[in-house]
């Protein structure tokens, strides 16, 4: 990943040019208005009193506390309702994941770094990178990455209740390099090629068009930047499907089949949000390594790495997430995914693919 280094004097000049009306915005937005555009007409946005206003169409996007409300609905809705609306309503009622009441920025960071993948992200995303998390939910990963104060982090989600939890945590812990906004990933509020890294875990499989959603957010990555997407795996999700059938057929009394729901360290709120997200979600799809490799090829991304690894080895603290690794053969990928039937059951069968955006051939220098 190429570092997006910004000299101190440049950052100071940008802040001096920030409009006075932008004071109501989190600093991450006030300092980076040039990254935003109207999701309706792609016009420039300016700061107004407690709102952002499009210079072209005049539409105003109000703030909820400190969160710009920039969700723009999909066009061409289906007669039986837009999946986006259905999923949005589900998460408004069931924000996921929730925070422990005693979490601070430091305790959140300590907890997150116990996981190898999260620690690798924190260590290997450069300190001056600009990062977007699409479908951030309650923003725990965004808040964690923002603990490095020199990064600029944005978290976007369509569910306001989730965003409020994330922004309350951000505000309470003084993470001024982070901003949350309400956004439809099919109608991004950020300009193309704005980010060094785009992260979207557990999101695209809850849309009616996962590849269309991937194409939409992939345009936000700079040439040379990286994208990380987490999806339910066709094989790794099988045990979850079996448990879902049992719960729906025989009732929730059988939740002892899920190891997370047996975990005594989780409070009742966390157990409930996990249960609802895994077993009562109104819409999900499942995907394979090969399918996402095709997505990368069609959109100009080079495969770098995956979790679980295509090689079948364990992810260790020495892993280089953003260096190219072998794609593996079809048979090798099948074997790794088959192993997820048991090994991936605790995480709901989620797998992560990492790719780097290649330079446009028309602009590449020989």
Protein backbone atom coordinates (compact mmCIF):
# COMPACT_ATOMS: atom_id res chain seq x y z
CA UNK A 1 0.00 0.00 0.00
CA UNK A 2 1.37 3.39 -0.90
CA UNK A 3 1.42 5.77 2.02
CA UNK A 4 -0.76 8.82 1.59
CA UNK A 5 1.74 11.17 3.24
CA UNK A 6 0.50 14.63 3.96
CA UNK A 7 3.00 17.27 5.01
CA UNK A 8 2.22 19.20 8.18
CA UNK A 9 2.09 22.53 6.39
CA UNK A 10 -0.39 21.19 3.80
CA UNK A 11 -2.70 19.85 6.51
CA UNK A 12 -2.53 23.20 8.33
CA UNK A 13 -3.40 25.08 5.12
CA UNK A 14 -6.41 22.82 4.53
CA UNK A 15 -7.72 23.51 8.03
CA UNK A 16 -7.30 27.26 7.61
CA UNK A 17 -9.43 27.08 4.46
CA UNK A 18 -12.25 25.13 6.18
CA UNK A 19 -15.49 27.15 6.03
CA UNK A 20 -16.64 28.51 9.43
CA UNK A 21 -19.98 26.69 9.01
CA UNK A 22 -18.13 23.37 9.04
CA UNK A 23 -17.46 23.72 12.76
CA UNK A 24 -20.55 21.58 13.51
CA UNK A 25 -19.03 18.69 11.55
CA UNK A 26 -16.53 16.22 13.02
CA UNK A 27 -13.05 17.39 12.12
CA UNK A 28 -12.53 14.43 9.78
CA UNK A 29 -15.32 15.77 7.56
CA UNK A 30 -14.56 19.47 8.04
CA UNK A 31 -10.96 18.93 6.91
CA UNK A 32 -11.91 16.75 3.95
CA UNK A 33 -14.98 18.27 2.30
CA UNK A 34 -13.20 17.91 -1.04
CA UNK A 35 -13.64 14.14 -0.79
CA UNK A 36 -17.44 14.37 -0.66
CA UNK A 37 -20.05 14.76 -3.36
CA UNK A 38 -23.82 14.67 -3.56
CA UNK A 39 -25.02 11.05 -3.87
CA UNK A 40 -27.96 12.30 -5.93
CA UNK A 41 -26.26 14.38 -8.65
CA UNK A 42 -22.50 14.11 -7.84
CA UNK A 43 -22.32 17.85 -7.27
CA UNK A 44 -19.92 19.58 -4.90
CA UNK A 45 -20.94 19.87 -1.25
CA UNK A 46 -20.54 22.85 1.02
CA UNK A 47 -21.07 23.28 4.74
CA UNK A 48 -24.29 24.96 5.87
CA UNK A 49 -25.80 25.45 9.33
CA UNK A 50 -26.02 21.93 10.79
CA UNK A 51 -26.04 20.45 7.27
CA UNK A 52 -24.15 19.81 4.06
CA UNK A 53 -25.62 21.41 0.95
CA UNK A 54 -25.15 20.45 -2.68
CA UNK A 55 -23.99 23.37 -4.81
CA UNK A 56 -25.60 21.84 -7.92
CA UNK A 57 -29.05 20.50 -6.97
CA UNK A 58 -29.44 22.40 -3.70
CA UNK A 59 -30.27 19.29 -1.66
CA UNK A 60 -29.45 19.64 2.05
CA UNK A 61 -28.15 16.74 4.10
CA UNK A 62 -28.91 17.36 7.74
CA UNK A 63 -26.76 16.28 10.67
CA UNK A 64 -28.04 13.94 13.36
CA UNK A 65 -25.92 15.13 16.28
CA UNK A 66 -22.60 14.88 14.40
CA UNK A 67 -23.57 12.36 11.69
CA UNK A 68 -24.27 13.60 8.12
CA UNK A 69 -27.48 11.91 6.91
CA UNK A 70 -26.55 11.19 3.29
CA UNK A 71 -28.44 7.99 2.52
CA UNK A 72 -29.78 8.15 -1.05
CA UNK A 73 -32.27 5.41 -2.04
CA UNK A 74 -31.70 2.99 -4.89
CA UNK A 75 -33.43 3.59 -8.18
CA UNK A 76 -35.66 1.03 -9.95
CA UNK A 77 -37.13 -0.56 -6.83
CA UNK A 78 -38.61 -4.05 -7.04
CA UNK A 79 -42.41 -4.37 -6.58
CA UNK A 80 -41.98 -6.43 -3.39
CA UNK A 81 -39.66 -3.87 -1.82
CA UNK A 82 -35.96 -3.04 -1.99
CA UNK A 83 -33.68 -5.47 -0.11
CA UNK A 84 -31.73 -2.42 1.03
CA UNK A 85 -34.80 -1.08 2.82
CA UNK A 86 -35.53 -4.46 4.42
CA UNK A 87 -31.98 -4.91 5.70
CA UNK A 88 -31.83 -1.30 6.85
CA UNK A 89 -34.97 -1.79 8.96
CA UNK A 90 -33.53 -5.01 10.44
CA UNK A 91 -30.32 -3.35 11.62
CA UNK A 92 -32.09 -0.26 12.91
CA UNK A 93 -33.83 -2.62 15.32
CA UNK A 94 -30.79 -4.87 15.90
CA UNK A 95 -27.53 -2.85 15.84
CA UNK A 96 -24.56 -5.20 15.48
CA UNK A 97 -22.12 -5.55 17.14
CA UNK A 98 -22.78 -3.71 20.39
CA UNK A 99 -20.29 -2.09 22.79
CA UNK A 100 -19.48 -3.08 26.33
CA UNK A 101 -20.58 -0.27 28.61
CA UNK A 102 -17.07 0.15 30.05
CA UNK A 103 -15.15 0.27 26.73
CA UNK A 104 -12.65 3.09 26.25
CA UNK A 105 -10.41 3.65 23.24
CA UNK A 106 -7.58 1.90 25.05
CA UNK A 107 -9.61 -1.14 26.15
CA UNK A 108 -11.14 -1.40 22.66
CA UNK A 109 -7.66 -1.35 21.17
CA UNK A 110 -6.38 -3.97 23.61
CA UNK A 111 -9.31 -6.28 22.91
CA UNK A 112 -9.10 -5.87 19.14
CA UNK A 113 -5.36 -6.55 19.03
CA UNK A 114 -5.88 -9.94 20.66
CA UNK A 115 -7.09 -11.03 17.24
CA UNK A 116 -4.24 -11.67 14.78
CA UNK A 117 -6.04 -10.14 11.79
CA UNK A 118 -6.98 -6.92 13.59
CA UNK A 119 -3.44 -6.52 14.93
CA UNK A 120 -2.01 -7.02 11.43
CA UNK A 121 -4.36 -4.38 10.03
CA UNK A 122 -3.33 -1.91 12.72
CA UNK A 123 0.37 -2.60 12.17
CA UNK A 124 0.34 -2.63 8.36
CA UNK A 125 -2.14 0.08 7.36
CA UNK A 126 0.24 3.06 7.10
CA UNK A 127 0.01 5.80 9.73
CA UNK A 128 -0.98 8.47 7.19
CA UNK A 129 -3.46 6.36 5.23
CA UNK A 130 -6.99 7.45 4.43
CA UNK A 131 -9.38 4.57 5.15
CA UNK A 132 -13.09 3.98 4.56
CA UNK A 133 -15.10 1.24 6.24
CA UNK A 134 -18.27 0.56 4.25
CA UNK A 135 -21.04 -1.03 6.27
CA UNK A 136 -19.26 -0.18 9.51
CA UNK A 137 -22.23 -1.08 11.72
CA UNK A 138 -21.53 0.24 15.19
CA UNK A 139 -18.06 1.30 14.09
CA UNK A 140 -15.84 -0.79 16.33
CA UNK A 141 -13.23 -1.43 13.62
CA UNK A 142 -13.31 2.23 12.53
CA UNK A 143 -12.81 3.39 16.12
CA UNK A 144 -10.00 0.87 16.58
CA UNK A 145 -8.11 2.01 13.46
CA UNK A 146 -8.64 5.65 14.43
CA UNK A 147 -6.64 5.08 17.62
CA UNK A 148 -3.68 5.85 15.34
CA UNK A 149 -4.28 9.60 15.35
CA UNK A 150 -2.41 10.35 12.10
CA UNK A 151 -4.77 8.22 9.99
CA UNK A 152 -7.97 9.66 8.54
CA UNK A 153 -10.84 7.21 8.98
CA UNK A 154 -14.44 7.28 7.77
CA UNK A 155 -17.16 4.83 8.70
CA UNK A 156 -20.29 4.60 6.56
CA UNK A 157 -23.45 2.62 7.16
CA UNK A 158 -27.14 2.91 6.27
CA UNK A 159 -28.40 2.30 9.84
CA UNK A 160 -28.55 5.39 11.99
CA UNK A 161 -28.96 3.58 15.32
CA UNK A 162 -25.71 1.71 14.69
CA UNK A 163 -23.90 4.87 13.65
CA UNK A 164 -25.02 6.68 16.79
CA UNK A 165 -23.38 4.01 18.95
CA UNK A 166 -20.14 4.31 17.00
CA UNK A 167 -20.13 8.10 16.99
CA UNK A 168 -20.94 8.34 20.70
CA UNK A 169 -17.87 6.19 21.37
CA UNK A 170 -15.75 8.25 18.97
CA UNK A 171 -16.87 11.54 20.53
CA UNK A 172 -16.41 10.33 24.11
CA UNK A 173 -12.85 9.21 23.36
CA UNK A 174 -11.80 12.28 21.35
CA UNK A 175 -11.11 10.41 18.10
CA UNK A 176 -11.27 13.53 15.92
CA UNK A 177 -9.61 11.87 12.94
CA UNK A 178 -12.73 9.70 12.47
CA UNK A 179 -16.13 10.61 11.05
CA UNK A 180 -19.30 8.55 10.58
CA UNK A 181 -21.98 9.13 7.95
CA UNK A 182 -25.20 7.48 6.83
CA UNK A 183 -24.72 6.18 3.27
CA UNK A 184 -26.09 3.72 0.73
CA UNK A 185 -23.09 1.81 -0.65
CA UNK A 186 -24.76 1.78 -4.09
CA UNK A 187 -24.81 5.62 -4.00
CA UNK A 188 -21.48 6.57 -2.36
CA UNK A 189 -21.04 10.04 -0.91
CA UNK A 190 -17.28 9.96 -1.54
CA UNK A 191 -15.55 10.72 -4.81
CA UNK A 192 -13.84 7.95 -6.80
CA UNK A 193 -10.21 7.16 -5.93
CA UNK A 194 -10.35 8.87 -2.53
CA UNK A 195 -8.99 6.12 -0.29
CA UNK A 196 -5.81 4.18 0.32
CA UNK A 197 -7.88 1.35 1.80
CA UNK A 198 -11.56 0.39 1.65
CA UNK A 199 -12.83 -2.24 4.09
CA UNK A 200 -16.22 -3.94 3.91
CA UNK A 201 -16.73 -6.95 6.15
CA UNK A 202 -20.00 -8.88 6.30
CA UNK A 203 -21.93 -6.39 4.16
CA UNK A 204 -22.14 -7.25 0.46
CA UNK A 205 -23.82 -10.60 1.10
CA UNK A 206 -26.75 -8.70 2.63
CA UNK A 207 -27.45 -6.81 -0.63
CA UNK A 208 -29.52 -7.81 -3.65
CA UNK A 209 -26.47 -7.36 -5.93
CA UNK A 210 -23.18 -8.24 -4.17
CA UNK A 211 -21.02 -7.80 -7.28
CA UNK A 212 -22.73 -4.51 -8.12
CA UNK A 213 -22.04 -3.37 -4.56
CA UNK A 214 -18.41 -4.43 -4.89
CA UNK A 215 -18.03 -2.49 -8.13
CA UNK A 216 -19.53 0.57 -6.47
CA UNK A 217 -17.16 0.63 -3.51
CA UNK A 218 -14.13 -0.54 -5.51
CA UNK A 219 -14.21 2.75 -7.44
CA UNK A 220 -13.41 4.55 -4.18
CA UNK A 221 -9.95 2.93 -3.99
CA UNK A 222 -6.95 4.84 -5.32
CA UNK A 223 -4.72 3.13 -7.89
CA UNK A 224 -2.24 1.22 -5.77
CA UNK A 225 -4.68 1.14 -2.86
CA UNK A 226 -6.25 -1.96 -1.36
CA UNK A 227 -9.71 -3.36 -0.81
CA UNK A 228 -10.69 -5.89 1.86
CA UNK A 229 -14.06 -7.61 1.67
CA UNK A 230 -15.55 -10.19 4.00
CA UNK A 231 -18.29 -12.50 2.74
CA UNK A 232 -20.15 -15.60 3.86
CA UNK A 233 -18.56 -18.66 2.32
CA UNK A 234 -20.67 -21.23 0.47
CA UNK A 235 -19.02 -24.08 2.38
CA UNK A 236 -18.18 -22.36 5.65
CA UNK A 237 -21.80 -21.32 6.14
CA UNK A 238 -23.22 -24.86 6.01
CA UNK A 239 -23.26 -25.50 9.77
CA UNK A 240 -24.87 -22.12 10.36
CA UNK A 241 -27.58 -23.06 7.84
CA UNK A 242 -28.19 -26.31 9.74
CA UNK A 243 -28.46 -24.48 13.06
CA UNK A 244 -30.77 -21.88 11.52
CA UNK A 245 -33.07 -24.68 10.37
CA UNK A 246 -33.08 -26.22 13.86
CA UNK A 247 -33.81 -22.90 15.57
CA UNK A 248 -36.61 -22.04 13.16
CA UNK A 249 -38.12 -25.51 13.39
CA UNK A 250 -37.74 -26.35 17.08
CA UNK A 251 -37.34 -22.93 18.70
CA UNK A 252 -34.58 -20.88 20.27
CA UNK A 253 -34.13 -23.33 23.15
CA UNK A 254 -31.55 -25.14 21.03
CA UNK A 255 -29.13 -22.23 20.97
CA UNK A 256 -26.60 -24.37 22.89
CA UNK A 257 -25.59 -25.65 19.43
CA UNK A 258 -23.82 -22.30 18.84
CA UNK A 259 -20.52 -21.94 20.71
CA UNK A 260 -20.83 -18.16 20.89
CA UNK A 261 -24.22 -18.39 22.52
CA UNK A 262 -22.68 -20.74 25.11
CA UNK A 263 -19.90 -18.25 25.86
CA UNK A 264 -20.40 -17.13 29.48
CA UNK A 265 -18.26 -14.01 28.95
CA UNK A 266 -20.87 -12.47 26.63
CA UNK A 267 -23.68 -10.46 28.16
CA UNK A 268 -27.29 -10.98 27.11
CA UNK A 269 -27.25 -8.04 24.67
CA UNK A 270 -24.27 -9.44 22.76
CA UNK A 271 -25.76 -12.91 22.68
CA UNK A 272 -29.02 -11.53 21.32
CA UNK A 273 -27.41 -9.38 18.63
CA UNK A 274 -25.26 -12.33 17.49
CA UNK A 275 -28.31 -14.61 17.37
CA UNK A 276 -30.37 -12.13 15.37
CA UNK A 277 -27.55 -11.35 12.93
CA UNK A 278 -26.70 -15.00 12.28
CA UNK A 279 -30.07 -16.72 12.36
CA UNK A 280 -32.85 -14.18 11.84
CA UNK A 281 -31.39 -11.98 9.11
CA UNK A 282 -33.92 -11.29 6.30
CA UNK A 283 -31.43 -11.65 3.42
CA UNK A 284 -28.01 -13.18 2.78
CA UNK A 285 -26.03 -14.76 -0.06
CA UNK A 286 -22.98 -17.02 -0.05
CA UNK A 287 -19.80 -16.85 -2.13
CA UNK A 288 -16.54 -18.63 -2.95
CA UNK A 289 -12.88 -17.71 -3.35
CA UNK A 290 -13.10 -18.29 -7.10
CA UNK A 291 -16.08 -15.97 -7.45
CA UNK A 292 -14.30 -13.09 -5.71
CA UNK A 293 -11.16 -13.69 -7.77
CA UNK A 294 -13.37 -13.13 -10.83
CA UNK A 295 -14.65 -9.90 -9.27
CA UNK A 296 -11.06 -8.72 -8.81
CA UNK A 297 -10.16 -9.50 -12.41
CA UNK A 298 -13.21 -7.71 -13.81
CA UNK A 299 -12.53 -4.54 -11.82
CA UNK A 300 -8.74 -4.28 -12.14
CA UNK A 301 -7.65 -5.64 -8.76
CA UNK A 302 -4.74 -8.00 -8.13
CA UNK A 303 -5.27 -10.67 -5.50
CA UNK A 304 -2.98 -10.24 -2.50
CA UNK A 305 -4.14 -12.42 0.37
CA UNK A 306 -7.08 -14.10 2.05
CA UNK A 307 -8.35 -15.19 5.46
CA UNK A 308 -8.36 -18.19 5.74
CA UNK A 309 -5.25 -18.32 3.58
CA UNK A 310 -5.50 -19.99 0.19
CA UNK A 311 -2.32 -21.87 1.07
CA UNK A 312 -4.12 -23.43 4.00
CA UNK A 313 -1.53 -22.19 6.50
CA UNK A 314 -2.31 -20.31 9.68
CA UNK A 315 -2.39 -16.52 9.83
CA UNK A 316 0.50 -15.49 12.07
CA UNK A 317 1.85 -12.23 13.45
CA UNK A 318 4.53 -12.30 10.73
CA UNK A 319 1.98 -12.33 7.88
CA UNK A 320 2.34 -9.58 5.26
CA UNK A 321 -1.28 -8.84 4.45
CA UNK A 322 -0.60 -6.54 1.53
CA UNK A 323 2.07 -8.50 -0.33
CA UNK A 324 1.06 -10.74 -3.27
CA UNK A 325 0.39 -14.40 -2.48
CA UNK A 326 -0.50 -17.32 -4.70
CA UNK A 327 -4.13 -17.64 -5.79
CA UNK A 328 -3.83 -21.38 -5.40
CA UNK A 329 -5.37 -23.96 -7.70
CA UNK A 330 -9.12 -24.59 -7.90
CA UNK A 331 -8.58 -27.83 -5.99
CA UNK A 332 -6.54 -26.10 -3.25
CA UNK A 333 -9.19 -23.41 -2.83
CA UNK A 334 -11.86 -26.10 -2.62
CA UNK A 335 -9.95 -27.91 0.11
CA UNK A 336 -9.46 -24.73 2.15
CA UNK A 337 -13.13 -23.83 1.86
CA UNK A 338 -14.20 -27.37 2.74
CA UNK A 339 -12.13 -27.06 5.92
CA UNK A 340 -14.19 -24.01 6.84
CA UNK A 341 -17.25 -26.21 7.40
CA UNK A 342 -15.81 -27.01 10.83
CA UNK A 343 -13.06 -24.44 11.45
CA UNK A 344 -15.09 -21.44 10.28
CA UNK A 345 -18.26 -22.31 12.15
CA UNK A 346 -17.56 -20.01 15.13
CA UNK A 347 -17.24 -16.92 12.91
CA UNK A 348 -20.30 -17.75 10.85
CA UNK A 349 -18.31 -18.94 7.84
CA UNK A 350 -16.90 -15.52 6.97
CA UNK A 351 -13.86 -15.27 4.67
CA UNK A 352 -11.87 -12.19 3.69
CA UNK A 353 -10.25 -11.38 0.34
CA UNK A 354 -7.66 -8.63 -0.13
CA UNK A 355 -6.80 -7.05 -3.48
CA UNK A 356 -4.76 -4.14 -4.78
CA UNK A 357 -6.11 -1.80 -7.46
CA UNK A 358 -3.87 -1.80 -10.49
CA UNK A 359 -3.06 1.44 -12.36
CA UNK A 360 -5.28 2.22 -15.32
CA UNK A 361 -3.41 1.05 -18.45
CA UNK A 362 -4.19 4.38 -20.11
CA UNK A 363 -2.32 6.27 -17.40
CA UNK A 364 0.43 3.74 -16.63
CA UNK A 365 3.99 4.95 -17.20
CA UNK A 366 6.39 2.51 -18.85
